[in-house]
């Protein structure tokens, strides 16, 4: 909506500058349209850079952790690229046959704790619109539910081991 307002008032400002003769009506119209254009641009920048009109919503999901093969190979760490990026490979009771992994984005972190029961806790924080009007104004420019950060906490018994998975060709 804010993009539509911006385009509309740019056309109004241009139309006033071209077709309306100089005078009080043209000055008032140009002032109003310029204020609306500047306000729209400021609001777009604030929304894009500082998430104006949005708030963070955190969800937590805890699942039972299963070993990949046995307790000796319970959790895997796979290095990507030069080795500074890593993903953790794991299995859960929700999908016991499927091997899952953490995402390799800059907003994702993982930590390891010892303890029982064996669980993986995923804390996901997303940007959501604060209300209906925020969604109406900024809905075209920024997607609702954009990922802010994600943290995985793996809790494993002391007998379980983590292995490093190497790329085999």
N, C-alpha and C. Protein backbone atom coordinates (compact mmCIF):
# COMPACT_ATOMS: atom_id res chain seq x y z
N UNK A 1 0.82 -1.19 0.00
CA UNK A 1 0.00 0.00 0.00
C UNK A 1 0.87 1.26 0.00
N UNK A 2 1.96 1.21 0.78
CA UNK A 2 2.79 2.41 0.86
C UNK A 2 3.49 2.68 -0.47
N UNK A 3 3.81 1.60 -1.20
CA UNK A 3 4.41 1.78 -2.52
C UNK A 3 3.40 2.38 -3.50
N UNK A 4 2.15 1.97 -3.38
CA UNK A 4 1.10 2.52 -4.23
C UNK A 4 0.89 4.00 -3.92
N UNK A 5 0.88 4.34 -2.62
CA UNK A 5 0.75 5.75 -2.23
C UNK A 5 1.93 6.57 -2.77
N UNK A 6 3.12 6.03 -2.68
CA UNK A 6 4.30 6.73 -3.17
C UNK A 6 4.20 7.01 -4.67
N UNK A 7 3.85 6.01 -5.43
CA UNK A 7 3.73 6.19 -6.89
C UNK A 7 2.61 7.17 -7.22
N UNK A 8 1.48 7.03 -6.53
CA UNK A 8 0.35 7.92 -6.78
C UNK A 8 0.71 9.38 -6.52
N UNK A 9 1.38 9.65 -5.38
CA UNK A 9 1.70 11.04 -5.05
C UNK A 9 2.87 11.59 -5.88
N UNK A 10 3.72 10.72 -6.41
CA UNK A 10 4.73 11.20 -7.36
C UNK A 10 4.03 11.68 -8.64
N UNK A 11 3.03 10.92 -9.10
CA UNK A 11 2.27 11.36 -10.27
C UNK A 11 1.50 12.65 -10.00
N UNK A 12 0.90 12.74 -8.82
CA UNK A 12 0.18 13.97 -8.47
C UNK A 12 1.13 15.16 -8.43
N UNK A 13 2.28 14.99 -7.81
CA UNK A 13 3.28 16.06 -7.74
C UNK A 13 3.71 16.48 -9.14
N UNK A 14 3.98 15.50 -10.00
CA UNK A 14 4.39 15.80 -11.38
C UNK A 14 3.27 16.50 -12.15
N UNK A 15 2.05 16.02 -12.00
CA UNK A 15 0.92 16.62 -12.71
C UNK A 15 0.73 18.08 -12.26
N UNK A 16 0.84 18.32 -10.96
CA UNK A 16 0.70 19.69 -10.46
C UNK A 16 1.81 20.59 -11.02
N UNK A 17 3.02 20.09 -11.09
CA UNK A 17 4.15 20.89 -11.57
C UNK A 17 4.01 21.21 -13.06
N UNK A 18 3.41 20.29 -13.84
CA UNK A 18 3.33 20.47 -15.29
C UNK A 18 2.07 21.24 -15.70
N UNK A 19 0.92 20.85 -15.17
CA UNK A 19 -0.34 21.34 -15.72
C UNK A 19 -1.03 22.45 -14.93
N UNK A 20 -0.71 22.64 -13.69
CA UNK A 20 -1.39 23.66 -12.88
C UNK A 20 -0.54 24.93 -12.91
N UNK A 21 -1.17 26.07 -13.24
CA UNK A 21 -0.39 27.32 -13.27
C UNK A 21 0.05 27.73 -11.87
N UNK A 22 1.11 28.52 -11.84
CA UNK A 22 1.64 28.95 -10.55
C UNK A 22 0.59 29.70 -9.77
N UNK A 23 0.58 29.43 -8.47
CA UNK A 23 -0.39 30.09 -7.59
C UNK A 23 -0.50 29.33 -6.28
N UNK A 24 -1.48 29.72 -5.50
CA UNK A 24 -1.67 29.13 -4.17
C UNK A 24 -2.08 27.66 -4.25
N UNK A 25 -2.97 27.30 -5.19
CA UNK A 25 -3.42 25.90 -5.31
C UNK A 25 -2.25 24.98 -5.64
N UNK A 26 -1.39 25.40 -6.56
CA UNK A 26 -0.23 24.59 -6.95
C UNK A 26 0.73 24.45 -5.77
N UNK A 27 0.97 25.51 -5.03
CA UNK A 27 1.90 25.47 -3.89
C UNK A 27 1.38 24.55 -2.79
N UNK A 28 0.10 24.66 -2.48
CA UNK A 28 -0.49 23.81 -1.44
C UNK A 28 -0.46 22.35 -1.87
N UNK A 29 -0.86 22.07 -3.11
CA UNK A 29 -0.85 20.70 -3.63
C UNK A 29 0.55 20.10 -3.64
N UNK A 30 1.54 20.88 -4.10
CA UNK A 30 2.91 20.39 -4.13
C UNK A 30 3.46 20.15 -2.72
N UNK A 31 3.12 21.01 -1.79
CA UNK A 31 3.59 20.84 -0.42
C UNK A 31 3.02 19.57 0.20
N UNK A 32 1.72 19.37 0.02
CA UNK A 32 1.08 18.17 0.57
C UNK A 32 1.64 16.91 -0.08
N UNK A 33 1.75 16.90 -1.40
CA UNK A 33 2.26 15.71 -2.08
C UNK A 33 3.73 15.46 -1.74
N UNK A 34 4.52 16.53 -1.58
CA UNK A 34 5.93 16.35 -1.19
C UNK A 34 6.04 15.77 0.22
N UNK A 35 5.19 16.22 1.14
CA UNK A 35 5.21 15.69 2.51
C UNK A 35 4.83 14.21 2.51
N UNK A 36 3.83 13.84 1.72
CA UNK A 36 3.42 12.43 1.64
C UNK A 36 4.53 11.59 1.02
N UNK A 37 5.17 12.07 -0.05
CA UNK A 37 6.28 11.35 -0.69
C UNK A 37 7.43 11.16 0.30
N UNK A 38 7.81 12.22 1.00
CA UNK A 38 8.90 12.12 1.97
C UNK A 38 8.54 11.17 3.10
N UNK A 39 7.30 11.24 3.59
CA UNK A 39 6.86 10.34 4.65
C UNK A 39 6.88 8.88 4.21
N UNK A 40 6.44 8.62 2.97
CA UNK A 40 6.46 7.25 2.45
C UNK A 40 7.89 6.73 2.34
N UNK A 41 8.78 7.56 1.83
CA UNK A 41 10.17 7.13 1.69
C UNK A 41 10.82 6.87 3.05
N UNK A 42 10.56 7.72 4.01
CA UNK A 42 11.11 7.52 5.36
C UNK A 42 10.54 6.24 5.97
N UNK A 43 9.24 6.02 5.82
CA UNK A 43 8.62 4.81 6.37
C UNK A 43 9.17 3.55 5.72
N UNK A 44 9.41 3.57 4.41
CA UNK A 44 9.97 2.41 3.71
C UNK A 44 11.37 2.11 4.21
N UNK A 45 12.19 3.15 4.36
CA UNK A 45 13.55 2.96 4.85
C UNK A 45 13.55 2.43 6.28
N UNK A 46 12.70 2.99 7.14
CA UNK A 46 12.62 2.53 8.53
C UNK A 46 12.14 1.08 8.60
N UNK A 47 11.18 0.71 7.76
CA UNK A 47 10.69 -0.66 7.76
C UNK A 47 11.74 -1.63 7.25
N UNK A 48 12.45 -1.24 6.22
CA UNK A 48 13.45 -2.13 5.62
C UNK A 48 14.68 -2.29 6.51
N UNK A 49 15.17 -1.20 7.08
CA UNK A 49 16.41 -1.26 7.86
C UNK A 49 16.20 -1.57 9.33
N UNK A 50 15.11 -1.06 9.92
CA UNK A 50 14.92 -1.19 11.36
C UNK A 50 13.63 -1.93 11.73
N UNK A 51 12.99 -2.57 10.75
CA UNK A 51 11.78 -3.37 10.97
C UNK A 51 10.68 -2.57 11.67
N UNK A 52 10.51 -1.32 11.23
CA UNK A 52 9.47 -0.46 11.77
C UNK A 52 8.10 -1.06 11.45
N UNK A 53 7.23 -1.15 12.42
CA UNK A 53 5.91 -1.74 12.23
C UNK A 53 5.92 -3.25 12.42
N UNK A 54 7.03 -3.79 12.89
CA UNK A 54 7.15 -5.24 13.09
C UNK A 54 7.65 -5.52 14.51
N UNK A 55 7.45 -6.74 14.95
CA UNK A 55 7.99 -7.19 16.22
C UNK A 55 8.47 -8.62 16.07
N UNK A 56 9.32 -9.05 16.99
CA UNK A 56 9.86 -10.40 16.91
C UNK A 56 8.96 -11.38 17.67
N UNK A 57 8.73 -12.53 17.04
CA UNK A 57 7.94 -13.59 17.65
C UNK A 57 8.85 -14.82 17.74
N UNK A 58 8.97 -15.37 18.94
CA UNK A 58 9.85 -16.52 19.16
C UNK A 58 9.02 -17.76 19.39
N UNK A 59 9.39 -18.84 18.70
CA UNK A 59 8.76 -20.13 18.89
C UNK A 59 9.83 -21.13 19.30
N UNK A 60 9.47 -22.04 20.18
CA UNK A 60 10.39 -23.06 20.67
C UNK A 60 9.80 -24.42 20.38
N UNK A 61 10.63 -25.30 19.81
CA UNK A 61 10.20 -26.66 19.51
C UNK A 61 11.24 -27.61 20.08
N UNK A 62 10.79 -28.58 20.88
CA UNK A 62 11.69 -29.57 21.46
C UNK A 62 11.30 -30.95 20.94
N UNK A 63 12.31 -31.68 20.44
CA UNK A 63 12.08 -33.02 19.92
C UNK A 63 13.08 -33.97 20.56
N UNK A 64 12.69 -35.24 20.63
CA UNK A 64 13.59 -36.26 21.15
C UNK A 64 14.64 -36.57 20.11
N UNK A 65 15.88 -36.63 20.56
CA UNK A 65 17.02 -36.85 19.67
C UNK A 65 17.34 -38.34 19.62
N UNK A 66 17.53 -38.86 18.43
CA UNK A 66 17.93 -40.25 18.23
C UNK A 66 19.36 -40.26 17.68
N UNK A 67 20.15 -41.32 18.00
CA UNK A 67 21.49 -41.39 17.42
C UNK A 67 21.42 -41.65 15.92
N UNK A 68 22.46 -41.17 15.20
CA UNK A 68 22.49 -41.39 13.76
C UNK A 68 22.58 -42.88 13.44
N UNK A 69 23.57 -43.59 14.04
CA UNK A 69 23.71 -45.04 13.84
C UNK A 69 23.65 -45.77 15.17
N UNK A 70 24.54 -45.39 16.09
CA UNK A 70 24.55 -45.94 17.45
C UNK A 70 25.09 -44.85 18.37
N UNK A 71 25.27 -45.18 19.65
CA UNK A 71 25.72 -44.16 20.60
C UNK A 71 27.13 -43.65 20.27
N UNK A 72 27.91 -44.43 19.55
CA UNK A 72 29.24 -43.97 19.17
C UNK A 72 29.18 -42.93 18.06
N UNK A 73 28.15 -42.95 17.27
CA UNK A 73 27.96 -41.95 16.20
C UNK A 73 26.57 -41.33 16.36
N UNK A 74 26.41 -40.60 17.44
CA UNK A 74 25.10 -40.08 17.79
C UNK A 74 24.75 -38.79 17.06
N UNK A 75 25.77 -37.95 16.79
CA UNK A 75 25.54 -36.64 16.20
C UNK A 75 26.70 -36.38 15.24
N UNK A 76 26.43 -35.79 14.10
CA UNK A 76 27.48 -35.52 13.13
C UNK A 76 27.64 -34.04 12.86
N UNK A 77 28.88 -33.62 12.65
CA UNK A 77 29.19 -32.24 12.29
C UNK A 77 29.83 -32.29 10.92
N UNK A 78 29.25 -31.58 9.97
CA UNK A 78 29.76 -31.57 8.60
C UNK A 78 30.27 -30.17 8.29
N UNK A 79 31.53 -30.09 7.89
CA UNK A 79 32.13 -28.80 7.56
C UNK A 79 31.81 -28.49 6.10
N UNK A 80 31.49 -27.23 5.86
CA UNK A 80 31.17 -26.77 4.51
C UNK A 80 32.25 -25.83 4.02
N UNK A 81 32.45 -25.80 2.74
CA UNK A 81 33.38 -24.83 2.14
C UNK A 81 34.77 -24.94 2.71
N UNK A 82 35.27 -23.85 3.28
CA UNK A 82 36.63 -23.81 3.83
C UNK A 82 36.70 -24.40 5.23
N UNK A 83 35.60 -24.76 5.82
CA UNK A 83 35.58 -25.35 7.15
C UNK A 83 35.10 -24.41 8.23
N UNK A 84 34.96 -23.14 7.91
CA UNK A 84 34.48 -22.20 8.93
C UNK A 84 32.96 -22.31 9.09
N UNK A 85 32.27 -22.77 8.07
CA UNK A 85 30.82 -22.99 8.15
C UNK A 85 30.59 -24.47 8.45
N UNK A 86 29.65 -24.73 9.35
CA UNK A 86 29.35 -26.10 9.74
C UNK A 86 27.85 -26.29 9.85
N UNK A 87 27.41 -27.52 9.61
CA UNK A 87 26.03 -27.91 9.90
C UNK A 87 26.08 -29.14 10.79
N UNK A 88 25.10 -29.27 11.63
CA UNK A 88 24.99 -30.42 12.52
C UNK A 88 23.96 -31.36 11.93
N UNK A 89 24.33 -32.64 11.79
CA UNK A 89 23.45 -33.66 11.22
C UNK A 89 22.90 -34.48 12.39
N UNK A 90 21.57 -34.69 12.40
CA UNK A 90 20.93 -35.37 13.52
C UNK A 90 19.66 -36.06 13.05
N UNK A 91 19.08 -36.89 13.93
CA UNK A 91 17.79 -37.54 13.69
C UNK A 91 16.89 -37.29 14.89
N UNK A 92 15.60 -37.18 14.63
CA UNK A 92 14.64 -37.00 15.72
C UNK A 92 13.60 -38.10 15.69
N UNK A 93 12.86 -38.19 16.77
CA UNK A 93 11.81 -39.21 16.85
C UNK A 93 10.61 -38.85 15.98
N UNK A 94 10.51 -37.57 15.56
CA UNK A 94 9.39 -37.16 14.72
C UNK A 94 9.51 -37.81 13.34
N UNK A 95 10.72 -37.80 12.79
CA UNK A 95 10.99 -38.46 11.51
C UNK A 95 12.21 -39.36 11.70
N UNK A 96 12.04 -40.54 12.30
CA UNK A 96 13.19 -41.35 12.67
C UNK A 96 14.00 -41.87 11.50
N UNK A 97 13.41 -42.04 10.34
CA UNK A 97 14.14 -42.57 9.19
C UNK A 97 14.89 -41.47 8.43
N UNK A 98 14.51 -40.23 8.64
CA UNK A 98 15.08 -39.12 7.88
C UNK A 98 16.19 -38.44 8.69
N UNK A 99 17.33 -38.22 8.03
CA UNK A 99 18.42 -37.49 8.66
C UNK A 99 18.18 -36.01 8.42
N UNK A 100 18.24 -35.21 9.47
CA UNK A 100 18.01 -33.78 9.39
C UNK A 100 19.31 -33.03 9.63
N UNK A 101 19.33 -31.76 9.33
CA UNK A 101 20.52 -30.96 9.60
C UNK A 101 20.11 -29.52 9.91
N UNK A 102 21.00 -28.83 10.60
CA UNK A 102 20.76 -27.42 10.87
C UNK A 102 21.00 -26.65 9.59
N UNK A 103 20.43 -25.48 9.49
CA UNK A 103 20.64 -24.67 8.29
C UNK A 103 22.00 -23.98 8.38
N UNK A 104 22.55 -23.62 7.25
CA UNK A 104 23.90 -23.05 7.18
C UNK A 104 23.85 -21.55 6.94
N UNK A 105 22.94 -20.86 7.59
CA UNK A 105 22.84 -19.42 7.41
C UNK A 105 23.58 -18.69 8.52
N UNK A 106 23.83 -17.41 8.32
CA UNK A 106 24.51 -16.61 9.33
C UNK A 106 23.66 -16.38 10.57
N UNK A 107 22.36 -16.54 10.44
CA UNK A 107 21.46 -16.29 11.57
C UNK A 107 21.24 -17.54 12.41
N UNK A 108 21.90 -18.65 12.07
CA UNK A 108 21.70 -19.91 12.77
C UNK A 108 22.91 -20.22 13.64
N UNK A 109 22.65 -20.58 14.90
CA UNK A 109 23.71 -21.00 15.82
C UNK A 109 23.31 -22.32 16.45
N UNK A 110 24.31 -23.05 16.96
CA UNK A 110 24.05 -24.33 17.61
C UNK A 110 24.94 -24.45 18.83
N UNK A 111 24.43 -25.12 19.86
CA UNK A 111 25.22 -25.38 21.06
C UNK A 111 24.95 -26.81 21.52
N UNK A 112 25.90 -27.35 22.28
CA UNK A 112 25.83 -28.73 22.73
C UNK A 112 25.92 -28.77 24.25
N UNK A 113 24.99 -29.52 24.89
CA UNK A 113 24.99 -29.69 26.34
C UNK A 113 24.95 -31.18 26.63
N UNK A 114 25.45 -31.54 27.79
CA UNK A 114 25.32 -32.93 28.22
C UNK A 114 24.18 -33.02 29.22
N UNK A 115 23.45 -34.12 29.15
CA UNK A 115 22.32 -34.32 30.05
C UNK A 115 21.35 -35.32 29.47
N UNK A 116 20.35 -35.64 30.22
CA UNK A 116 19.32 -36.55 29.74
C UNK A 116 17.98 -35.87 29.94
N UNK A 117 17.00 -36.13 29.17
CA UNK A 117 16.98 -37.00 28.00
C UNK A 117 17.64 -36.33 26.80
N UNK A 118 17.91 -37.12 25.78
CA UNK A 118 18.52 -36.60 24.56
C UNK A 118 17.46 -35.84 23.76
N UNK A 119 17.68 -34.53 23.62
CA UNK A 119 16.71 -33.69 22.92
C UNK A 119 17.42 -32.68 22.03
N UNK A 120 16.68 -32.17 21.09
CA UNK A 120 17.12 -31.01 20.30
C UNK A 120 16.04 -29.95 20.47
N UNK A 121 16.46 -28.79 20.95
CA UNK A 121 15.53 -27.68 21.16
C UNK A 121 15.84 -26.61 20.12
N UNK A 122 14.85 -26.25 19.34
CA UNK A 122 15.01 -25.26 18.30
C UNK A 122 14.24 -24.01 18.69
N UNK A 123 14.96 -22.90 18.84
CA UNK A 123 14.34 -21.61 19.16
C UNK A 123 14.43 -20.75 17.91
N UNK A 124 13.29 -20.43 17.33
CA UNK A 124 13.24 -19.67 16.08
C UNK A 124 12.58 -18.32 16.35
N UNK A 125 13.23 -17.25 15.90
CA UNK A 125 12.69 -15.91 16.05
C UNK A 125 12.43 -15.34 14.66
N UNK A 126 11.20 -14.87 14.44
CA UNK A 126 10.80 -14.32 13.14
C UNK A 126 10.22 -12.93 13.32
N UNK A 127 10.33 -12.13 12.27
CA UNK A 127 9.72 -10.79 12.25
C UNK A 127 8.27 -10.92 11.80
N UNK A 128 7.35 -10.39 12.58
CA UNK A 128 5.92 -10.38 12.24
C UNK A 128 5.41 -8.95 12.31
N UNK A 129 4.37 -8.66 11.52
CA UNK A 129 3.76 -7.33 11.56
C UNK A 129 3.07 -7.12 12.90
N UNK A 130 3.12 -5.88 13.41
CA UNK A 130 2.53 -5.58 14.71
C UNK A 130 1.02 -5.57 14.67
N UNK A 131 0.46 -5.22 13.57
CA UNK A 131 -0.99 -5.15 13.50
C UNK A 131 -1.46 -5.16 12.05
N UNK A 132 -2.75 -5.02 11.91
CA UNK A 132 -3.36 -5.05 10.58
C UNK A 132 -2.85 -3.91 9.70
N UNK A 133 -2.75 -2.70 10.25
CA UNK A 133 -2.35 -1.56 9.43
C UNK A 133 -0.90 -1.64 8.99
N UNK A 134 -0.05 -2.20 9.83
CA UNK A 134 1.35 -2.40 9.43
C UNK A 134 1.42 -3.37 8.25
N UNK A 135 0.62 -4.41 8.30
CA UNK A 135 0.62 -5.38 7.20
C UNK A 135 0.03 -4.77 5.93
N UNK A 136 -1.00 -3.94 6.08
CA UNK A 136 -1.59 -3.29 4.91
C UNK A 136 -0.57 -2.35 4.24
N UNK A 137 0.12 -1.54 5.03
CA UNK A 137 1.05 -0.57 4.46
C UNK A 137 2.32 -1.21 3.91
N UNK A 138 2.89 -2.19 4.63
CA UNK A 138 4.19 -2.73 4.23
C UNK A 138 4.12 -4.13 3.66
N UNK A 139 2.93 -4.65 3.42
CA UNK A 139 2.77 -6.02 2.94
C UNK A 139 3.39 -6.28 1.58
N UNK A 140 3.45 -5.27 0.73
CA UNK A 140 4.06 -5.47 -0.59
C UNK A 140 5.58 -5.44 -0.52
N UNK A 141 6.13 -4.73 0.45
CA UNK A 141 7.58 -4.53 0.48
C UNK A 141 8.36 -5.58 1.23
N UNK A 142 7.82 -6.11 2.32
CA UNK A 142 8.58 -7.04 3.14
C UNK A 142 7.70 -8.21 3.54
N UNK A 143 8.24 -9.39 3.40
CA UNK A 143 7.49 -10.61 3.68
C UNK A 143 7.28 -10.78 5.19
N UNK A 144 6.07 -11.17 5.57
CA UNK A 144 5.77 -11.44 6.96
C UNK A 144 6.38 -12.78 7.35
N UNK A 145 7.00 -12.84 8.51
CA UNK A 145 7.57 -14.09 8.97
C UNK A 145 9.00 -14.30 8.54
N UNK A 146 9.70 -13.24 8.17
CA UNK A 146 11.09 -13.37 7.76
C UNK A 146 11.93 -13.79 8.96
N UNK A 147 12.84 -14.74 8.74
CA UNK A 147 13.67 -15.29 9.81
C UNK A 147 14.62 -14.25 10.35
N UNK A 148 14.63 -14.09 11.67
CA UNK A 148 15.57 -13.20 12.34
C UNK A 148 16.77 -13.99 12.85
N UNK A 149 16.50 -15.06 13.60
CA UNK A 149 17.57 -15.92 14.09
C UNK A 149 17.00 -17.27 14.49
N UNK A 150 17.88 -18.27 14.52
CA UNK A 150 17.49 -19.62 14.92
C UNK A 150 18.64 -20.20 15.73
N UNK A 151 18.29 -20.85 16.86
CA UNK A 151 19.31 -21.46 17.70
C UNK A 151 18.91 -22.90 18.03
N UNK A 152 19.83 -23.82 17.79
CA UNK A 152 19.63 -25.22 18.13
C UNK A 152 20.43 -25.53 19.39
N UNK A 153 19.80 -26.19 20.35
CA UNK A 153 20.49 -26.67 21.54
C UNK A 153 20.34 -28.19 21.58
N UNK A 154 21.46 -28.88 21.45
CA UNK A 154 21.47 -30.34 21.47
C UNK A 154 21.86 -30.79 22.87
N UNK A 155 21.01 -31.59 23.51
CA UNK A 155 21.30 -32.17 24.82
C UNK A 155 21.51 -33.66 24.62
N UNK A 156 22.72 -34.14 24.98
CA UNK A 156 23.05 -35.56 24.78
C UNK A 156 23.62 -36.14 26.06
N UNK A 157 23.39 -37.44 26.31
CA UNK A 157 24.06 -38.10 27.44
C UNK A 157 25.57 -38.14 27.21
N UNK A 158 26.33 -38.30 28.30
CA UNK A 158 27.79 -38.32 28.20
C UNK A 158 28.31 -39.48 27.38
N UNK A 159 27.54 -40.57 27.29
CA UNK A 159 28.00 -41.74 26.54
C UNK A 159 27.89 -41.55 25.02
N UNK A 160 27.11 -40.58 24.57
CA UNK A 160 26.97 -40.34 23.15
C UNK A 160 28.15 -39.54 22.64
N UNK A 161 28.52 -39.74 21.39
CA UNK A 161 29.67 -39.06 20.79
C UNK A 161 29.25 -38.30 19.54
N UNK A 162 30.00 -37.24 19.28
CA UNK A 162 29.81 -36.44 18.07
C UNK A 162 30.95 -36.76 17.13
N UNK A 163 30.64 -36.98 15.86
CA UNK A 163 31.68 -37.27 14.88
C UNK A 163 31.73 -36.17 13.83
N UNK A 164 32.86 -36.05 13.17
CA UNK A 164 33.00 -35.11 12.07
C UNK A 164 32.80 -35.90 10.78
N UNK A 165 31.87 -35.43 9.98
CA UNK A 165 31.56 -36.11 8.71
C UNK A 165 32.40 -35.44 7.63
N UNK A 166 33.17 -36.26 6.92
CA UNK A 166 34.00 -35.73 5.84
C UNK A 166 33.31 -35.96 4.52
N UNK A 167 33.61 -35.12 3.56
CA UNK A 167 33.05 -35.28 2.23
C UNK A 167 33.77 -36.42 1.51
N UNK A 168 33.03 -37.39 1.07
CA UNK A 168 33.61 -38.48 0.29
C UNK A 168 33.09 -38.37 -1.12
N UNK A 169 33.99 -38.55 -2.05
CA UNK A 169 33.58 -38.40 -3.46
C UNK A 169 33.54 -39.72 -4.17
